[in-house]
PDB file of N, CA and C in Angstrom:
ATOM      1  N   UNK A   1     157.183 140.254  81.545  1.00  0.00           N
ATOM      2  CA  UNK A   1     158.438 140.236  80.891  1.00  0.00           C
ATOM      3  C   UNK A   1     159.393 141.083  81.719  1.00  0.00           C
ATOM      4  N   UNK A   2     160.569 140.534  81.988  1.00  0.00           N
ATOM      5  CA  UNK A   2     161.580 141.263  82.751  1.00  0.00           C
ATOM      6  C   UNK A   2     162.424 142.075  81.779  1.00  0.00           C
ATOM      7  N   UNK A   3     162.537 143.365  82.053  1.00  0.00           N
ATOM      8  CA  UNK A   3     163.353 144.256  81.226  1.00  0.00           C
ATOM      9  C   UNK A   3     164.408 144.915  82.099  1.00  0.00           C
ATOM     10  N   UNK A   4     165.519 145.333  81.462  1.00  0.00           N
ATOM     11  CA  UNK A   4     166.620 145.865  82.262  1.00  0.00           C
ATOM     12  C   UNK A   4     166.559 147.363  82.505  1.00  0.00           C
ATOM     13  N   UNK A   5     165.757 148.095  81.721  1.00  0.00           N
ATOM     14  CA  UNK A   5     165.656 149.540  81.939  1.00  0.00           C
ATOM     15  C   UNK A   5     164.385 150.079  81.276  1.00  0.00           C
ATOM     16  N   UNK A   6     164.104 151.344  81.526  1.00  0.00           N
ATOM     17  CA  UNK A   6     162.892 151.981  80.987  1.00  0.00           C
ATOM     18  C   UNK A   6     162.916 152.056  79.462  1.00  0.00           C
ATOM     19  N   UNK A   7     164.098 152.248  78.872  1.00  0.00           N
ATOM     20  CA  UNK A   7     164.209 152.316  77.411  1.00  0.00           C
ATOM     21  C   UNK A   7     163.775 150.991  76.784  1.00  0.00           C
ATOM     22  N   UNK A   8     164.272 149.890  77.317  1.00  0.00           N
ATOM     23  CA  UNK A   8     163.894 148.574  76.802  1.00  0.00           C
ATOM     24  C   UNK A   8     162.400 148.340  76.998  1.00  0.00           C
ATOM     25  N   UNK A   9     161.883 148.739  78.135  1.00  0.00           N
ATOM     26  CA  UNK A   9     160.452 148.588  78.407  1.00  0.00           C
ATOM     27  C   UNK A   9     159.630 149.368  77.394  1.00  0.00           C
ATOM     28  N   UNK A  10     160.030 150.601  77.124  1.00  0.00           N
ATOM     29  CA  UNK A  10     159.304 151.444  76.180  1.00  0.00           C
ATOM     30  C   UNK A  10     159.289 150.840  74.777  1.00  0.00           C
ATOM     31  N   UNK A  11     160.426 150.333  74.335  1.00  0.00           N
ATOM     32  CA  UNK A  11     160.508 149.718  73.002  1.00  0.00           C
ATOM     33  C   UNK A  11     159.629 148.475  72.905  1.00  0.00           C
ATOM     34  N   UNK A  12     159.668 147.640  73.927  1.00  0.00           N
ATOM     35  CA  UNK A  12     158.876 146.412  73.901  1.00  0.00           C
ATOM     36  C   UNK A  12     157.389 146.679  74.085  1.00  0.00           C
ATOM     37  N   UNK A  13     157.046 147.675  74.881  1.00  0.00           N
ATOM     38  CA  UNK A  13     155.635 148.033  75.047  1.00  0.00           C
ATOM     39  C   UNK A  13     155.032 148.450  73.716  1.00  0.00           C
ATOM     40  N   UNK A  14     155.812 149.156  72.913  1.00  0.00           N
ATOM     41  CA  UNK A  14     155.326 149.592  71.600  1.00  0.00           C
ATOM     42  C   UNK A  14     155.045 148.380  70.710  1.00  0.00           C
ATOM     43  N   UNK A  15     155.936 147.416  70.707  1.00  0.00           N
ATOM     44  CA  UNK A  15     155.784 146.226  69.862  1.00  0.00           C
ATOM     45  C   UNK A  15     154.661 145.320  70.370  1.00  0.00           C
ATOM     46  N   UNK A  16     154.515 145.226  71.681  1.00  0.00           N
ATOM     47  CA  UNK A  16     153.549 144.304  72.288  1.00  0.00           C
ATOM     48  C   UNK A  16     152.312 145.012  72.818  1.00  0.00           C
ATOM     49  N   UNK A  17     151.995 146.156  72.261  1.00  0.00           N
ATOM     50  CA  UNK A  17     150.927 147.006  72.808  1.00  0.00           C
ATOM     51  C   UNK A  17     149.553 146.342  72.821  1.00  0.00           C
ATOM     52  N   UNK A  18     149.283 145.411  71.943  1.00  0.00           N
ATOM     53  CA  UNK A  18     147.966 144.765  71.896  1.00  0.00           C
ATOM     54  C   UNK A  18     147.951 143.402  72.586  1.00  0.00           C
ATOM     55  N   UNK A  19     149.023 143.082  73.290  1.00  0.00           N
ATOM     56  CA  UNK A  19     149.121 141.784  73.962  1.00  0.00           C
ATOM     57  C   UNK A  19     148.980 141.978  75.467  1.00  0.00           C
ATOM     58  N   UNK A  20     148.611 140.921  76.147  1.00  0.00           N
ATOM     59  CA  UNK A  20     148.443 140.954  77.599  1.00  0.00           C
ATOM     60  C   UNK A  20     149.778 140.606  78.260  1.00  0.00           C
ATOM     61  N   UNK A  21     150.688 141.590  78.298  1.00  0.00           N
ATOM     62  CA  UNK A  21     152.032 141.390  78.832  1.00  0.00           C
ATOM     63  C   UNK A  21     152.242 142.314  80.019  1.00  0.00           C
ATOM     64  N   UNK A  22     152.760 141.757  81.106  1.00  0.00           N
ATOM     65  CA  UNK A  22     153.101 142.551  82.286  1.00  0.00           C
ATOM     66  C   UNK A  22     154.617 142.714  82.301  1.00  0.00           C
ATOM     67  N   UNK A  23     155.084 143.943  82.436  1.00  0.00           N
ATOM     68  CA  UNK A  23     156.513 144.226  82.463  1.00  0.00           C
ATOM     69  C   UNK A  23     156.971 144.491  83.889  1.00  0.00           C
ATOM     70  N   UNK A  24     158.184 144.060  84.190  1.00  0.00           N
ATOM     71  CA  UNK A  24     158.803 144.384  85.472  1.00  0.00           C
ATOM     72  C   UNK A  24     160.260 144.751  85.228  1.00  0.00           C
ATOM     73  N   UNK A  25     160.724 145.783  85.906  1.00  0.00           N
ATOM     74  CA  UNK A  25     162.113 146.208  85.775  1.00  0.00           C
ATOM     75  C   UNK A  25     163.005 145.342  86.645  1.00  0.00           C
ATOM     76  N   UNK A  26     164.150 144.954  86.084  1.00  0.00           N
ATOM     77  CA  UNK A  26     165.119 144.170  86.840  1.00  0.00           C
ATOM     78  C   UNK A  26     165.897 145.115  87.747  1.00  0.00           C
ATOM     79  N   UNK A  27     165.592 145.076  89.015  1.00  0.00           N
ATOM     80  CA  UNK A  27     166.248 145.956  89.981  1.00  0.00           C
ATOM     81  C   UNK A  27     167.127 145.164  90.941  1.00  0.00           C
ATOM     82  N   UNK A  28     167.539 143.979  90.514  1.00  0.00           N
ATOM     83  CA  UNK A  28     168.339 143.136  91.404  1.00  0.00           C
ATOM     84  C   UNK A  28     169.735 143.713  91.593  1.00  0.00           C
ATOM     85  N   UNK A  29     170.417 143.227  92.598  1.00  0.00           N
ATOM     86  CA  UNK A  29     171.756 143.714  92.913  1.00  0.00           C
ATOM     87  C   UNK A  29     172.821 143.049  92.052  1.00  0.00           C
ATOM     88  N   UNK A  30     172.431 142.106  91.208  1.00  0.00           N
ATOM     89  CA  UNK A  30     173.382 141.380  90.383  1.00  0.00           C
ATOM     90  C   UNK A  30     173.539 142.051  89.020  1.00  0.00           C
ATOM     91  N   UNK A  31     174.548 141.637  88.262  1.00  0.00           N
ATOM     92  CA  UNK A  31     174.749 142.179  86.920  1.00  0.00           C
ATOM     93  C   UNK A  31     173.730 141.584  85.952  1.00  0.00           C
ATOM     94  N   UNK A  32     173.759 142.096  84.708  1.00  0.00           N
ATOM     95  CA  UNK A  32     172.848 141.616  83.669  1.00  0.00           C
ATOM     96  C   UNK A  32     173.075 140.137  83.369  1.00  0.00           C
ATOM     97  N   UNK A  33     172.085 139.527  82.774  1.00  0.00           N
ATOM     98  CA  UNK A  33     172.216 138.152  82.326  1.00  0.00           C
ATOM     99  C   UNK A  33     170.907 137.411  82.438  1.00  0.00           C
ATOM    100  N   UNK A  34     170.782 136.299  81.717  1.00  0.00           N
ATOM    101  CA  UNK A  34     169.530 135.549  81.720  1.00  0.00           C
ATOM    102  C   UNK A  34     169.165 134.977  83.086  1.00  0.00           C
ATOM    103  N   UNK A  35     170.143 134.562  83.867  1.00  0.00           N
ATOM    104  CA  UNK A  35     169.819 134.027  85.194  1.00  0.00           C
ATOM    105  C   UNK A  35     169.288 135.115  86.115  1.00  0.00           C
ATOM    106  N   UNK A  36     169.813 136.321  85.961  1.00  0.00           N
ATOM    107  CA  UNK A  36     169.328 137.446  86.763  1.00  0.00           C
ATOM    108  C   UNK A  36     167.883 137.752  86.396  1.00  0.00           C
ATOM    109  N   UNK A  37     167.570 137.715  85.106  1.00  0.00           N
ATOM    110  CA  UNK A  37     166.194 137.965  84.660  1.00  0.00           C
ATOM    111  C   UNK A  37     165.250 136.887  85.190  1.00  0.00           C
ATOM    112  N   UNK A  38     165.699 135.639  85.170  1.00  0.00           N
ATOM    113  CA  UNK A  38     164.857 134.560  85.704  1.00  0.00           C
ATOM    114  C   UNK A  38     164.648 134.727  87.209  1.00  0.00           C
ATOM    115  N   UNK A  39     165.692 135.120  87.915  1.00  0.00           N
ATOM    116  CA  UNK A  39     165.583 135.372  89.357  1.00  0.00           C
ATOM    117  C   UNK A  39     164.580 136.488  89.629  1.00  0.00           C
ATOM    118  N   UNK A  40     164.717 137.595  88.911  1.00  0.00           N
ATOM    119  CA  UNK A  40     163.801 138.726  89.094  1.00  0.00           C
ATOM    120  C   UNK A  40     162.374 138.313  88.780  1.00  0.00           C
ATOM    121  N   UNK A  41     162.182 137.601  87.668  1.00  0.00           N
ATOM    122  CA  UNK A  41     160.848 137.140  87.302  1.00  0.00           C
ATOM    123  C   UNK A  41     160.240 136.247  88.366  1.00  0.00           C
ATOM    124  N   UNK A  42     161.044 135.348  88.925  1.00  0.00           N
ATOM    125  CA  UNK A  42     160.548 134.445  89.966  1.00  0.00           C
ATOM    126  C   UNK A  42     160.188 135.209  91.235  1.00  0.00           C
ATOM    127  N   UNK A  43     160.986 136.196  91.580  1.00  0.00           N
ATOM    128  CA  UNK A  43     160.718 136.977  92.789  1.00  0.00           C
ATOM    129  C   UNK A  43     159.472 137.854  92.642  1.00  0.00           C
ATOM    130  N   UNK A  44     159.178 138.306  91.420  1.00  0.00           N
ATOM    131  CA  UNK A  44     158.029 139.184  91.187  1.00  0.00           C
ATOM    132  C   UNK A  44     156.765 138.424  90.801  1.00  0.00           C
ATOM    133  N   UNK A  45     156.897 137.124  90.544  1.00  0.00           N
ATOM    134  CA  UNK A  45     155.759 136.327  90.069  1.00  0.00           C
ATOM    135  C   UNK A  45     154.643 136.267  91.102  1.00  0.00           C
ATOM    136  N   UNK A  46     153.423 136.218  90.588  1.00  0.00           N
ATOM    137  CA  UNK A  46     152.240 136.115  91.444  1.00  0.00           C
ATOM    138  C   UNK A  46     151.618 134.727  91.374  1.00  0.00           C
ATOM    139  N   UNK A  47     152.286 133.814  90.691  1.00  0.00           N
ATOM    140  CA  UNK A  47     151.746 132.473  90.487  1.00  0.00           C
ATOM    141  C   UNK A  47     152.740 131.429  90.975  1.00  0.00           C
ATOM    142  N   UNK A  48     152.288 130.217  91.166  1.00  0.00           N
ATOM    143  CA  UNK A  48     153.165 129.155  91.656  1.00  0.00           C
ATOM    144  C   UNK A  48     153.985 128.505  90.544  1.00  0.00           C
ATOM    145  N   UNK A  49     153.637 128.768  89.283  1.00  0.00           N
ATOM    146  CA  UNK A  49     154.371 128.212  88.149  1.00  0.00           C
ATOM    147  C   UNK A  49     154.886 129.344  87.273  1.00  0.00           C
ATOM    148  N   UNK A  50     156.056 129.114  86.663  1.00  0.00           N
ATOM    149  CA  UNK A  50     156.663 130.100  85.766  1.00  0.00           C
ATOM    150  C   UNK A  50     156.919 129.466  84.410  1.00  0.00           C
ATOM    151  N   UNK A  51     156.866 130.277  83.379  1.00  0.00           N
ATOM    152  CA  UNK A  51     157.245 129.858  82.036  1.00  0.00           C
ATOM    153  C   UNK A  51     158.389 130.761  81.618  1.00  0.00           C
ATOM    154  N   UNK A  52     159.541 130.174  81.318  1.00  0.00           N
ATOM    155  CA  UNK A  52     160.727 130.957  80.977  1.00  0.00           C
ATOM    156  C   UNK A  52     161.130 130.645  79.549  1.00  0.00           C
ATOM    157  N   UNK A  53     161.332 131.706  78.772  1.00  0.00           N
ATOM    158  CA  UNK A  53     161.803 131.575  77.399  1.00  0.00           C
ATOM    159  C   UNK A  53     162.561 132.848  77.045  1.00  0.00           C
ATOM    160  N   UNK A  54     163.552 132.719  76.199  1.00  0.00           N
ATOM    161  CA  UNK A  54     164.320 133.893  75.770  1.00  0.00           C
ATOM    162  C   UNK A  54     163.412 134.842  74.991  1.00  0.00           C
ATOM    163  N   UNK A  55     163.609 136.123  75.181  1.00  0.00           N
ATOM    164  CA  UNK A  55     162.746 137.106  74.510  1.00  0.00           C
ATOM    165  C   UNK A  55     163.023 137.202  73.019  1.00  0.00           C
ATOM    166  N   UNK A  56     164.155 136.691  72.553  1.00  0.00           N
ATOM    167  CA  UNK A  56     164.470 136.747  71.126  1.00  0.00           C
ATOM    168  C   UNK A  56     164.293 135.391  70.435  1.00  0.00           C
ATOM    169  N   UNK A  57     163.552 134.491  71.068  1.00  0.00           N
ATOM    170  CA  UNK A  57     163.298 133.174  70.493  1.00  0.00           C
ATOM    171  C   UNK A  57     162.317 133.325  69.332  1.00  0.00           C
ATOM    172  N   UNK A  58     162.659 132.823  68.136  1.00  0.00           N
ATOM    173  CA  UNK A  58     161.792 133.048  66.964  1.00  0.00           C
ATOM    174  C   UNK A  58     160.551 132.150  66.945  1.00  0.00           C
ATOM    175  N   UNK A  59     159.504 132.678  66.374  1.00  0.00           N
ATOM    176  CA  UNK A  59     158.286 131.925  66.060  1.00  0.00           C
ATOM    177  C   UNK A  59     157.578 131.321  67.272  1.00  0.00           C
ATOM    178  N   UNK A  60     157.574 132.010  68.372  1.00  0.00           N
ATOM    179  CA  UNK A  60     156.867 131.525  69.556  1.00  0.00           C
ATOM    180  C   UNK A  60     155.400 131.911  69.440  1.00  0.00           C
ATOM    181  N   UNK A  61     154.523 130.960  69.654  1.00  0.00           N
ATOM    182  CA  UNK A  61     153.087 131.240  69.620  1.00  0.00           C
ATOM    183  C   UNK A  61     152.628 131.670  71.004  1.00  0.00           C
ATOM    184  N   UNK A  62     151.735 132.634  71.063  1.00  0.00           N
ATOM    185  CA  UNK A  62     151.280 133.166  72.340  1.00  0.00           C
ATOM    186  C   UNK A  62     150.578 132.126  73.199  1.00  0.00           C
ATOM    187  N   UNK A  63     149.970 131.122  72.591  1.00  0.00           N
ATOM    188  CA  UNK A  63     149.261 130.103  73.370  1.00  0.00           C
ATOM    189  C   UNK A  63     150.188 128.975  73.840  1.00  0.00           C
ATOM    190  N   UNK A  64     151.469 129.099  73.633  1.00  0.00           N
ATOM    191  CA  UNK A  64     152.438 128.080  74.029  1.00  0.00           C
ATOM    192  C   UNK A  64     152.443 127.846  75.531  1.00  0.00           C
ATOM    193  N   UNK A  65     152.426 128.925  76.290  1.00  0.00           N
ATOM    194  CA  UNK A  65     152.480 128.788  77.746  1.00  0.00           C
ATOM    195  C   UNK A  65     151.144 128.311  78.257  1.00  0.00           C
TER     196      UNK A  65
END
């Protein structure tokens, strides 16, 4: 999950503490926004495929991806 700062990471880590989630800080040279997060996620990805979804999307099941 791409987060914009340590505060956001800390809050989400608390909520997702029992899930297998990898966090990465958005350190790109661009301003905030969903495209910047997707760019950062793609650049940090270790796999050839990506799954992108908004972090505030309701009722997402963990097995969706």
